[in-house]
Full PDB file with SEQRES, HELIX, SHEET, SSBOND, CRYST1, ORIGX, SCALE, CONECT and MASTER records, all heavy atoms in Angstrom:
SEQRES   1 A   40  ARG LEU ALA PHE TYR GLY MET ALA SER ARG LYS GLU PRO          
SEQRES   2 A   40  SER PRO VAL ARG PRO ALA ALA LEU MET SER HIS SER THR          
SEQRES   3 A   40  THR ILE SER GLY MET TRP LEU ALA HIS VAL PHE GLN LEU          
SEQRES   4 A   40  PRO                                                          
HELIX    1 AA1 PRO A   18  HIS A   24  1                                   7    
HELIX    2 AA2 LEU A   33  GLN A   38  5                                   6    
SHEET    1 AA1 2 LEU A   2  PHE A   4  0                                        
SHEET    2 AA1 2 ILE A  28  GLY A  30  1                                        
CRYST1    1.000    1.000    1.000  90.00  90.00  90.00 P 1           1          
ORIGX1      1.000000  0.000000  0.000000        0.00000                         
ORIGX2      0.000000  1.000000  0.000000        0.00000                         
ORIGX3      0.000000  0.000000  1.000000        0.00000                         
SCALE1      1.000000  0.000000  0.000000        0.00000                         
SCALE2      0.000000  1.000000  0.000000        0.00000                         
SCALE3      0.000000  0.000000  1.000000        0.00000                         
ATOM      1  N   ARG A   1      41.233 139.559 133.521  1.00  0.00           N  
ATOM      2  CA  ARG A   1      41.743 139.996 134.934  1.00  0.00           C  
ATOM      3  C   ARG A   1      41.556 138.856 135.900  1.00  0.00           C  
ATOM      4  O   ARG A   1      40.490 138.326 136.050  1.00  0.00           O  
ATOM      5  CB  ARG A   1      41.033 141.259 135.311  1.00  0.00           C  
ATOM      6  CG  ARG A   1      41.316 142.503 134.571  1.00  0.00           C  
ATOM      7  CD  ARG A   1      40.360 142.720 133.388  1.00  0.00           C  
ATOM      8  NE  ARG A   1      38.979 142.921 133.859  1.00  0.00           N  
ATOM      9  CZ  ARG A   1      37.943 142.701 133.046  1.00  0.00           C  
ATOM     10  NH1 ARG A   1      38.047 142.237 131.825  1.00  0.00           N  
ATOM     11  NH2 ARG A   1      36.704 143.013 133.541  1.00  0.00           N  
ATOM     12  N   LEU A   2      42.659 138.669 136.689  1.00  0.00           N  
ATOM     13  CA  LEU A   2      42.561 137.722 137.835  1.00  0.00           C  
ATOM     14  C   LEU A   2      42.824 138.479 139.087  1.00  0.00           C  
ATOM     15  O   LEU A   2      43.759 139.182 139.180  1.00  0.00           O  
ATOM     16  CB  LEU A   2      43.564 136.560 137.662  1.00  0.00           C  
ATOM     17  CG  LEU A   2      43.550 135.526 138.735  1.00  0.00           C  
ATOM     18  CD1 LEU A   2      43.911 134.108 138.165  1.00  0.00           C  
ATOM     19  CD2 LEU A   2      44.525 135.807 139.835  1.00  0.00           C  
ATOM     20  N   ALA A   3      41.927 138.302 140.087  1.00  0.00           N  
ATOM     21  CA  ALA A   3      42.040 138.907 141.389  1.00  0.00           C  
ATOM     22  C   ALA A   3      42.440 137.862 142.383  1.00  0.00           C  
ATOM     23  O   ALA A   3      41.680 136.814 142.513  1.00  0.00           O  
ATOM     24  CB  ALA A   3      40.846 139.651 141.829  1.00  0.00           C  
ATOM     25  N   PHE A   4      43.598 137.958 143.085  1.00  0.00           N  
ATOM     26  CA  PHE A   4      44.101 136.948 143.999  1.00  0.00           C  
ATOM     27  C   PHE A   4      43.884 137.492 145.435  1.00  0.00           C  
ATOM     28  O   PHE A   4      44.363 138.522 145.762  1.00  0.00           O  
ATOM     29  CB  PHE A   4      45.600 136.759 143.705  1.00  0.00           C  
ATOM     30  CG  PHE A   4      46.232 135.661 144.534  1.00  0.00           C  
ATOM     31  CD1 PHE A   4      46.002 134.288 144.160  1.00  0.00           C  
ATOM     32  CD2 PHE A   4      47.038 135.971 145.578  1.00  0.00           C  
ATOM     33  CE1 PHE A   4      46.638 133.337 144.846  1.00  0.00           C  
ATOM     34  CE2 PHE A   4      47.677 134.897 146.331  1.00  0.00           C  
ATOM     35  CZ  PHE A   4      47.412 133.635 145.951  1.00  0.00           C  
ATOM     36  N   TYR A   5      43.144 136.703 146.189  1.00  0.00           N  
ATOM     37  CA  TYR A   5      42.825 137.213 147.541  1.00  0.00           C  
ATOM     38  C   TYR A   5      42.987 136.230 148.738  1.00  0.00           C  
ATOM     39  O   TYR A   5      42.470 136.424 149.832  1.00  0.00           O  
ATOM     40  CB  TYR A   5      41.355 137.788 147.534  1.00  0.00           C  
ATOM     41  CG  TYR A   5      40.290 136.771 147.423  1.00  0.00           C  
ATOM     42  CD1 TYR A   5      39.563 136.317 148.563  1.00  0.00           C  
ATOM     43  CD2 TYR A   5      39.965 136.260 146.164  1.00  0.00           C  
ATOM     44  CE1 TYR A   5      38.504 135.408 148.382  1.00  0.00           C  
ATOM     45  CE2 TYR A   5      38.900 135.307 146.048  1.00  0.00           C  
ATOM     46  CZ  TYR A   5      38.212 134.901 147.137  1.00  0.00           C  
ATOM     47  OH  TYR A   5      37.195 133.959 146.959  1.00  0.00           O  
ATOM     48  N   GLY A   6      43.701 135.147 148.393  1.00  0.00           N  
ATOM     49  CA  GLY A   6      43.946 134.145 149.415  1.00  0.00           C  
ATOM     50  C   GLY A   6      44.755 133.030 148.947  1.00  0.00           C  
ATOM     51  O   GLY A   6      45.037 132.949 147.697  1.00  0.00           O  
ATOM     52  N   MET A   7      45.158 132.138 149.844  1.00  0.00           N  
ATOM     53  CA  MET A   7      46.053 130.957 149.447  1.00  0.00           C  
ATOM     54  C   MET A   7      45.709 129.826 150.373  1.00  0.00           C  
ATOM     55  O   MET A   7      46.525 129.341 151.158  1.00  0.00           O  
ATOM     56  CB  MET A   7      47.486 131.412 149.515  1.00  0.00           C  
ATOM     57  CG  MET A   7      48.414 130.506 148.719  1.00  0.00           C  
ATOM     58  SD  MET A   7      50.047 131.197 148.532  1.00  0.00           S  
ATOM     59  CE  MET A   7      50.627 131.435 150.243  1.00  0.00           C  
ATOM     60  N   ALA A   8      44.406 129.303 150.192  1.00  0.00           N  
ATOM     61  CA  ALA A   8      43.990 128.321 151.052  1.00  0.00           C  
ATOM     62  C   ALA A   8      44.767 127.002 151.064  1.00  0.00           C  
ATOM     63  O   ALA A   8      44.855 126.317 152.048  1.00  0.00           O  
ATOM     64  CB  ALA A   8      42.534 127.954 150.785  1.00  0.00           C  
ATOM     65  N   SER A   9      45.423 126.684 149.925  1.00  0.00           N  
ATOM     66  CA  SER A   9      46.237 125.543 149.771  1.00  0.00           C  
ATOM     67  C   SER A   9      47.547 125.668 150.511  1.00  0.00           C  
ATOM     68  O   SER A   9      48.233 124.658 150.646  1.00  0.00           O  
ATOM     69  CB  SER A   9      46.507 125.232 148.296  1.00  0.00           C  
ATOM     70  OG  SER A   9      47.255 126.168 147.700  1.00  0.00           O  
ATOM     71  N   ARG A  10      47.910 126.826 150.960  1.00  0.00           N  
ATOM     72  CA  ARG A  10      49.222 127.186 151.522  1.00  0.00           C  
ATOM     73  C   ARG A  10      50.321 126.935 150.469  1.00  0.00           C  
ATOM     74  O   ARG A  10      51.512 126.779 150.836  1.00  0.00           O  
ATOM     75  CB  ARG A  10      49.491 126.345 152.810  1.00  0.00           C  
ATOM     76  CG  ARG A  10      49.121 126.976 154.082  1.00  0.00           C  
ATOM     77  CD  ARG A  10      47.689 127.180 154.381  1.00  0.00           C  
ATOM     78  NE  ARG A  10      47.401 127.572 155.748  1.00  0.00           N  
ATOM     79  CZ  ARG A  10      46.220 127.892 156.179  1.00  0.00           C  
ATOM     80  NH1 ARG A  10      45.131 127.720 155.408  1.00  0.00           N  
ATOM     81  NH2 ARG A  10      46.090 128.188 157.471  1.00  0.00           N  
ATOM     82  N   LYS A  11      49.995 126.940 149.155  1.00  0.00           N  
ATOM     83  CA  LYS A  11      51.025 126.682 148.175  1.00  0.00           C  
ATOM     84  C   LYS A  11      51.187 127.895 147.325  1.00  0.00           C  
ATOM     85  O   LYS A  11      50.169 128.453 146.779  1.00  0.00           O  
ATOM     86  CB  LYS A  11      50.661 125.497 147.267  1.00  0.00           C  
ATOM     87  CG  LYS A  11      50.670 124.182 148.039  1.00  0.00           C  
ATOM     88  CD  LYS A  11      50.235 122.976 147.143  1.00  0.00           C  
ATOM     89  CE  LYS A  11      50.174 121.752 147.921  1.00  0.00           C  
ATOM     90  NZ  LYS A  11      49.767 120.538 147.090  1.00  0.00           N  
ATOM     91  N   GLU A  12      52.398 128.429 147.127  1.00  0.00           N  
ATOM     92  CA  GLU A  12      52.560 129.594 146.271  1.00  0.00           C  
ATOM     93  C   GLU A  12      52.295 129.314 144.771  1.00  0.00           C  
ATOM     94  O   GLU A  12      52.781 128.297 144.332  1.00  0.00           O  
ATOM     95  CB  GLU A  12      54.081 130.159 146.447  1.00  0.00           C  
ATOM     96  CG  GLU A  12      54.300 130.716 147.863  1.00  0.00           C  
ATOM     97  CD  GLU A  12      54.036 132.166 147.859  1.00  0.00           C  
ATOM     98  OE1 GLU A  12      53.576 132.754 146.828  1.00  0.00           O  
ATOM     99  OE2 GLU A  12      54.122 132.777 148.995  1.00  0.00           O  
ATOM    100  N   PRO A  13      51.702 130.284 144.137  1.00  0.00           N  
ATOM    101  CA  PRO A  13      51.661 130.060 142.606  1.00  0.00           C  
ATOM    102  C   PRO A  13      53.004 130.337 142.035  1.00  0.00           C  
ATOM    103  O   PRO A  13      53.971 130.808 142.739  1.00  0.00           O  
ATOM    104  CB  PRO A  13      50.683 131.140 142.179  1.00  0.00           C  
ATOM    105  CG  PRO A  13      50.022 131.673 143.440  1.00  0.00           C  
ATOM    106  CD  PRO A  13      51.007 131.357 144.584  1.00  0.00           C  
ATOM    107  N   SER A  14      53.176 130.052 140.761  1.00  0.00           N  
ATOM    108  CA  SER A  14      54.467 130.326 140.054  1.00  0.00           C  
ATOM    109  C   SER A  14      54.603 131.873 139.922  1.00  0.00           C  
ATOM    110  O   SER A  14      53.619 132.613 139.879  1.00  0.00           O  
ATOM    111  CB  SER A  14      54.432 129.784 138.671  1.00  0.00           C  
ATOM    112  OG  SER A  14      54.290 128.314 138.747  1.00  0.00           O  
ATOM    113  N   PRO A  15      55.804 132.362 139.980  1.00  0.00           N  
ATOM    114  CA  PRO A  15      56.098 133.783 139.806  1.00  0.00           C  
ATOM    115  C   PRO A  15      55.503 134.279 138.441  1.00  0.00           C  
ATOM    116  O   PRO A  15      55.509 133.548 137.449  1.00  0.00           O  
ATOM    117  CB  PRO A  15      57.574 133.923 139.791  1.00  0.00           C  
ATOM    118  CG  PRO A  15      58.053 132.661 140.584  1.00  0.00           C  
ATOM    119  CD  PRO A  15      57.081 131.574 140.175  1.00  0.00           C  
ATOM    120  N   VAL A  16      54.988 135.436 138.472  1.00  0.00           N  
ATOM    121  CA  VAL A  16      54.377 136.104 137.267  1.00  0.00           C  
ATOM    122  C   VAL A  16      55.392 137.106 136.639  1.00  0.00           C  
ATOM    123  O   VAL A  16      55.888 137.980 137.382  1.00  0.00           O  
ATOM    124  CB  VAL A  16      53.132 136.795 137.555  1.00  0.00           C  
ATOM    125  CG1 VAL A  16      52.518 137.467 136.407  1.00  0.00           C  
ATOM    126  CG2 VAL A  16      52.064 135.817 138.182  1.00  0.00           C  
ATOM    127  N   ARG A  17      55.723 136.864 135.396  1.00  0.00           N  
ATOM    128  CA  ARG A  17      56.599 137.803 134.717  1.00  0.00           C  
ATOM    129  C   ARG A  17      55.894 138.898 134.008  1.00  0.00           C  
ATOM    130  O   ARG A  17      54.934 138.596 133.281  1.00  0.00           O  
ATOM    131  CB  ARG A  17      57.464 137.068 133.683  1.00  0.00           C  
ATOM    132  CG  ARG A  17      58.397 135.962 134.320  1.00  0.00           C  
ATOM    133  CD  ARG A  17      59.256 135.283 133.202  1.00  0.00           C  
ATOM    134  NE  ARG A  17      58.377 134.538 132.258  1.00  0.00           N  
ATOM    135  CZ  ARG A  17      58.196 134.945 130.984  1.00  0.00           C  
ATOM    136  NH1 ARG A  17      58.740 136.026 130.559  1.00  0.00           N  
ATOM    137  NH2 ARG A  17      57.433 134.268 130.210  1.00  0.00           N  
ATOM    138  N   PRO A  18      56.185 140.178 134.209  1.00  0.00           N  
ATOM    139  CA  PRO A  18      55.461 141.277 133.533  1.00  0.00           C  
ATOM    140  C   PRO A  18      55.466 141.051 132.022  1.00  0.00           C  
ATOM    141  O   PRO A  18      54.435 141.453 131.399  1.00  0.00           O  
ATOM    142  CB  PRO A  18      56.314 142.464 133.934  1.00  0.00           C  
ATOM    143  CG  PRO A  18      56.866 142.154 135.243  1.00  0.00           C  
ATOM    144  CD  PRO A  18      57.264 140.693 135.166  1.00  0.00           C  
ATOM    145  N   ALA A  19      56.479 140.537 131.441  1.00  0.00           N  
ATOM    146  CA  ALA A  19      56.421 140.365 129.987  1.00  0.00           C  
ATOM    147  C   ALA A  19      55.374 139.407 129.538  1.00  0.00           C  
ATOM    148  O   ALA A  19      54.771 139.588 128.426  1.00  0.00           O  
ATOM    149  CB  ALA A  19      57.816 139.812 129.486  1.00  0.00           C  
ATOM    150  N   ALA A  20      55.140 138.390 130.398  1.00  0.00           N  
ATOM    151  CA  ALA A  20      54.063 137.412 130.071  1.00  0.00           C  
ATOM    152  C   ALA A  20      52.654 138.105 130.140  1.00  0.00           C  
ATOM    153  O   ALA A  20      51.731 137.841 129.371  1.00  0.00           O  
ATOM    154  CB  ALA A  20      54.135 136.226 131.043  1.00  0.00           C  
ATOM    155  N   LEU A  21      52.503 139.019 131.106  1.00  0.00           N  
ATOM    156  CA  LEU A  21      51.262 139.781 131.156  1.00  0.00           C  
ATOM    157  C   LEU A  21      51.091 140.643 129.954  1.00  0.00           C  
ATOM    158  O   LEU A  21      49.957 140.661 129.344  1.00  0.00           O  
ATOM    159  CB  LEU A  21      51.253 140.678 132.380  1.00  0.00           C  
ATOM    160  CG  LEU A  21      51.332 140.064 133.719  1.00  0.00           C  
ATOM    161  CD1 LEU A  21      51.321 141.066 134.873  1.00  0.00           C  
ATOM    162  CD2 LEU A  21      50.192 139.123 134.009  1.00  0.00           C  
ATOM    163  N   MET A  22      52.192 141.257 129.445  1.00  0.00           N  
ATOM    164  CA  MET A  22      52.034 142.093 128.289  1.00  0.00           C  
ATOM    165  C   MET A  22      51.718 141.272 127.041  1.00  0.00           C  
ATOM    166  O   MET A  22      50.901 141.624 126.192  1.00  0.00           O  
ATOM    167  CB  MET A  22      53.303 142.852 128.099  1.00  0.00           C  
ATOM    168  CG  MET A  22      53.331 143.826 126.854  1.00  0.00           C  
ATOM    169  SD  MET A  22      54.883 144.708 126.731  1.00  0.00           S  
ATOM    170  CE  MET A  22      56.031 143.371 126.344  1.00  0.00           C  
ATOM    171  N   SER A  23      52.338 140.065 126.910  1.00  0.00           N  
ATOM    172  CA  SER A  23      52.229 139.257 125.727  1.00  0.00           C  
ATOM    173  C   SER A  23      50.768 138.751 125.635  1.00  0.00           C  
ATOM    174  O   SER A  23      50.352 138.388 124.465  1.00  0.00           O  
ATOM    175  CB  SER A  23      53.235 138.085 125.723  1.00  0.00           C  
ATOM    176  OG  SER A  23      52.900 137.217 126.799  1.00  0.00           O  
ATOM    177  N   HIS A  24      50.061 138.685 126.690  1.00  0.00           N  
ATOM    178  CA  HIS A  24      48.629 138.175 126.581  1.00  0.00           C  
ATOM    179  C   HIS A  24      47.699 139.250 126.979  1.00  0.00           C  
ATOM    180  O   HIS A  24      46.438 138.992 127.053  1.00  0.00           O  
ATOM    181  CB  HIS A  24      48.444 137.041 127.605  1.00  0.00           C  
ATOM    182  CG  HIS A  24      49.321 135.825 127.111  1.00  0.00           C  
ATOM    183  ND1 HIS A  24      49.069 135.057 126.032  1.00  0.00           N  
ATOM    184  CD2 HIS A  24      50.377 135.241 127.655  1.00  0.00           C  
ATOM    185  CE1 HIS A  24      49.989 134.057 125.961  1.00  0.00           C  
ATOM    186  NE2 HIS A  24      50.825 134.198 126.878  1.00  0.00           N  
ATOM    187  N   SER A  25      48.109 140.441 127.279  1.00  0.00           N  
ATOM    188  CA  SER A  25      47.283 141.549 127.679  1.00  0.00           C  
ATOM    189  C   SER A  25      46.373 141.206 128.863  1.00  0.00           C  
ATOM    190  O   SER A  25      45.093 141.459 128.810  1.00  0.00           O  
ATOM    191  CB  SER A  25      46.450 142.098 126.534  1.00  0.00           C  
ATOM    192  OG  SER A  25      47.288 142.638 125.512  1.00  0.00           O  
ATOM    193  N   THR A  26      46.947 140.549 129.894  1.00  0.00           N  
ATOM    194  CA  THR A  26      46.197 140.188 131.066  1.00  0.00           C  
ATOM    195  C   THR A  26      46.767 140.949 132.296  1.00  0.00           C  
ATOM    196  O   THR A  26      47.799 141.491 132.235  1.00  0.00           O  
ATOM    197  CB  THR A  26      46.425 138.619 131.310  1.00  0.00           C  
ATOM    198  OG1 THR A  26      47.799 138.332 131.286  1.00  0.00           O  
ATOM    199  CG2 THR A  26      45.647 137.913 130.248  1.00  0.00           C  
ATOM    200  N   THR A  27      45.840 140.873 133.267  1.00  0.00           N  
ATOM    201  CA  THR A  27      46.135 141.607 134.539  1.00  0.00           C  
ATOM    202  C   THR A  27      45.908 140.700 135.738  1.00  0.00           C  
ATOM    203  O   THR A  27      44.985 139.979 135.764  1.00  0.00           O  
ATOM    204  CB  THR A  27      45.178 142.864 134.687  1.00  0.00           C  
ATOM    205  OG1 THR A  27      45.311 143.702 133.581  1.00  0.00           O  
ATOM    206  CG2 THR A  27      45.376 143.566 135.964  1.00  0.00           C  
ATOM    207  N   ILE A  28      46.829 140.794 136.705  1.00  0.00           N  
ATOM    208  CA  ILE A  28      46.702 140.119 137.972  1.00  0.00           C  
ATOM    209  C   ILE A  28      46.694 141.110 139.083  1.00  0.00           C  
ATOM    210  O   ILE A  28      47.638 141.940 139.080  1.00  0.00           O  
ATOM    211  CB  ILE A  28      47.669 138.989 138.119  1.00  0.00           C  
ATOM    212  CG1 ILE A  28      47.383 138.175 139.465  1.00  0.00           C  
ATOM    213  CG2 ILE A  28      49.071 139.430 138.103  1.00  0.00           C  
ATOM    214  CD1 ILE A  28      48.177 136.908 139.649  1.00  0.00           C  
ATOM    215  N   SER A  29      45.833 141.090 139.993  1.00  0.00           N  
ATOM    216  CA  SER A  29      45.817 141.980 141.138  1.00  0.00           C  
ATOM    217  C   SER A  29      45.643 141.241 142.441  1.00  0.00           C  
ATOM    218  O   SER A  29      45.136 140.128 142.422  1.00  0.00           O  
ATOM    219  CB  SER A  29      44.685 143.065 140.995  1.00  0.00           C  
ATOM    220  OG  SER A  29      43.411 142.382 141.057  1.00  0.00           O  
ATOM    221  N   GLY A  30      45.972 141.851 143.519  1.00  0.00           N  
ATOM    222  CA  GLY A  30      45.793 141.350 144.808  1.00  0.00           C  
ATOM    223  C   GLY A  30      44.755 142.116 145.583  1.00  0.00           C  
ATOM    224  O   GLY A  30      44.578 143.293 145.347  1.00  0.00           O  
ATOM    225  N   MET A  31      44.125 141.527 146.539  1.00  0.00           N  
ATOM    226  CA  MET A  31      43.182 142.201 147.382  1.00  0.00           C  
ATOM    227  C   MET A  31      43.247 141.781 148.774  1.00  0.00           C  
ATOM    228  O   MET A  31      43.120 140.603 149.160  1.00  0.00           O  
ATOM    229  CB  MET A  31      41.737 142.031 146.899  1.00  0.00           C  
ATOM    230  CG  MET A  31      40.662 143.069 147.456  1.00  0.00           C  
ATOM    231  SD  MET A  31      40.177 142.867 149.074  1.00  0.00           S  
ATOM    232  CE  MET A  31      39.063 141.352 148.896  1.00  0.00           C  
ATOM    233  N   TRP A  32      43.442 142.700 149.718  1.00  0.00           N  
ATOM    234  CA  TRP A  32      43.369 142.562 151.205  1.00  0.00           C  
ATOM    235  C   TRP A  32      42.414 143.609 151.720  1.00  0.00           C  
ATOM    236  O   TRP A  32      42.599 144.820 151.475  1.00  0.00           O  
ATOM    237  CB  TRP A  32      44.774 142.724 151.788  1.00  0.00           C  
ATOM    238  CG  TRP A  32      44.697 142.400 153.297  1.00  0.00           C  
ATOM    239  CD1 TRP A  32      43.930 141.567 153.975  1.00  0.00           C  
ATOM    240  CD2 TRP A  32      45.705 142.936 154.227  1.00  0.00           C  
ATOM    241  NE1 TRP A  32      44.250 141.451 155.330  1.00  0.00           N  
ATOM    242  CE2 TRP A  32      45.300 142.301 155.516  1.00  0.00           C  
ATOM    243  CE3 TRP A  32      46.722 143.852 154.241  1.00  0.00           C  
ATOM    244  CZ2 TRP A  32      45.979 142.662 156.683  1.00  0.00           C  
ATOM    245  CZ3 TRP A  32      47.451 144.088 155.427  1.00  0.00           C  
ATOM    246  CH2 TRP A  32      47.036 143.526 156.629  1.00  0.00           C  
ATOM    247  N   LEU A  33      41.352 143.089 152.271  1.00  0.00           N  
ATOM    248  CA  LEU A  33      40.216 144.057 152.591  1.00  0.00           C  
ATOM    249  C   LEU A  33      40.666 145.191 153.504  1.00  0.00           C  
ATOM    250  O   LEU A  33      40.066 146.262 153.431  1.00  0.00           O  
ATOM    251  CB  LEU A  33      39.094 143.269 153.294  1.00  0.00           C  
ATOM    252  CG  LEU A  33      37.768 144.048 153.446  1.00  0.00           C  
ATOM    253  CD1 LEU A  33      37.160 144.345 152.075  1.00  0.00           C  
ATOM    254  CD2 LEU A  33      36.782 143.165 154.203  1.00  0.00           C  
ATOM    255  N   ALA A  34      41.693 145.024 154.316  1.00  0.00           N  
ATOM    256  CA  ALA A  34      42.165 146.114 155.206  1.00  0.00           C  
ATOM    257  C   ALA A  34      42.539 147.388 154.411  1.00  0.00           C  
ATOM    258  O   ALA A  34      42.392 148.502 154.981  1.00  0.00           O  
ATOM    259  CB  ALA A  34      43.341 145.631 155.981  1.00  0.00           C  
ATOM    260  N   HIS A  35      42.909 147.217 153.175  1.00  0.00           N  
ATOM    261  CA  HIS A  35      43.360 148.408 152.389  1.00  0.00           C  
ATOM    262  C   HIS A  35      42.224 149.197 151.974  1.00  0.00           C  
ATOM    263  O   HIS A  35      42.389 150.410 151.549  1.00  0.00           O  
ATOM    264  CB  HIS A  35      44.249 147.902 151.228  1.00  0.00           C  
ATOM    265  CG  HIS A  35      45.511 147.363 151.519  1.00  0.00           C  
ATOM    266  ND1 HIS A  35      46.104 146.299 150.966  1.00  0.00           N  
ATOM    267  CD2 HIS A  35      46.469 147.823 152.522  1.00  0.00           C  
ATOM    268  CE1 HIS A  35      47.316 146.054 151.477  1.00  0.00           C  
ATOM    269  NE2 HIS A  35      47.545 146.932 152.408  1.00  0.00           N  
ATOM    270  N   VAL A  36      40.987 148.739 151.965  1.00  0.00           N  
ATOM    271  CA  VAL A  36      39.877 149.460 151.658  1.00  0.00           C  
ATOM    272  C   VAL A  36      39.623 150.695 152.449  1.00  0.00           C  
ATOM    273  O   VAL A  36      39.199 151.783 152.026  1.00  0.00           O  
ATOM    274  CB  VAL A  36      38.523 148.582 151.734  1.00  0.00           C  
ATOM    275  CG1 VAL A  36      37.231 149.439 151.670  1.00  0.00           C  
ATOM    276  CG2 VAL A  36      38.567 147.547 150.687  1.00  0.00           C  
ATOM    277  N   PHE A  37      40.149 150.626 153.742  1.00  0.00           N  
ATOM    278  CA  PHE A  37      39.992 151.731 154.647  1.00  0.00           C  
ATOM    279  C   PHE A  37      40.972 152.901 154.382  1.00  0.00           C  
ATOM    280  O   PHE A  37      40.878 153.959 154.994  1.00  0.00           O  
ATOM    281  CB  PHE A  37      40.044 151.241 156.114  1.00  0.00           C  
ATOM    282  CG  PHE A  37      39.060 150.236 156.382  1.00  0.00           C  
ATOM    283  CD1 PHE A  37      39.412 148.868 156.357  1.00  0.00           C  
ATOM    284  CD2 PHE A  37      37.704 150.561 156.572  1.00  0.00           C  
ATOM    285  CE1 PHE A  37      38.376 147.908 156.688  1.00  0.00           C  
ATOM    286  CE2 PHE A  37      36.708 149.644 156.875  1.00  0.00           C  
ATOM    287  CZ  PHE A  37      37.078 148.281 156.965  1.00  0.00           C  
ATOM    288  N   GLN A  38      41.910 152.633 153.439  1.00  0.00           N  
ATOM    289  CA  GLN A  38      42.778 153.690 153.047  1.00  0.00           C  
ATOM    290  C   GLN A  38      42.298 154.538 151.825  1.00  0.00           C  
ATOM    291  O   GLN A  38      42.974 155.449 151.426  1.00  0.00           O  
ATOM    292  CB  GLN A  38      44.163 153.105 152.810  1.00  0.00           C  
ATOM    293  CG  GLN A  38      44.824 152.390 153.994  1.00  0.00           C  
ATOM    294  CD  GLN A  38      46.107 151.739 153.640  1.00  0.00           C  
ATOM    295  OE1 GLN A  38      46.774 152.077 152.716  1.00  0.00           O  
ATOM    296  NE2 GLN A  38      46.510 150.727 154.493  1.00  0.00           N  
ATOM    297  N   LEU A  39      41.165 154.089 151.306  1.00  0.00           N  
ATOM    298  CA  LEU A  39      40.657 154.712 150.024  1.00  0.00           C  
ATOM    299  C   LEU A  39      39.853 155.902 150.480  1.00  0.00           C  
ATOM    300  O   LEU A  39      39.252 156.016 151.527  1.00  0.00           O  
ATOM    301  CB  LEU A  39      39.758 153.742 149.303  1.00  0.00           C  
ATOM    302  CG  LEU A  39      40.328 152.503 148.693  1.00  0.00           C  
ATOM    303  CD1 LEU A  39      39.306 151.580 148.190  1.00  0.00           C  
ATOM    304  CD2 LEU A  39      41.411 152.887 147.608  1.00  0.00           C  
ATOM    305  N   PRO A  40      39.898 156.942 149.530  1.00  0.00           N  
ATOM    306  CA  PRO A  40      39.040 158.098 149.851  1.00  0.00           C  
ATOM    307  C   PRO A  40      37.550 157.791 149.899  1.00  0.00           C  
ATOM    308  O   PRO A  40      37.132 156.913 149.110  1.00  0.00           O  
ATOM    309  CB  PRO A  40      39.419 159.096 148.744  1.00  0.00           C  
ATOM    310  CG  PRO A  40      39.925 158.250 147.617  1.00  0.00           C  
ATOM    311  CD  PRO A  40      40.585 157.063 148.338  1.00  0.00           C  
TER     312      PRO A  40                                                      
MASTER        0    0    0    2    2    0    0    6  311    1    0    4          
END                                                                             
């Protein structure tokens, strides 16, 4: 699992294809702390 939470280089990563995630059984997620306050 990879958690993406910033882009200090100001450079976009390559697009991620869902099929590539499936073929390697990997997960990528994003995190913005502001969304924590929407959790129960």
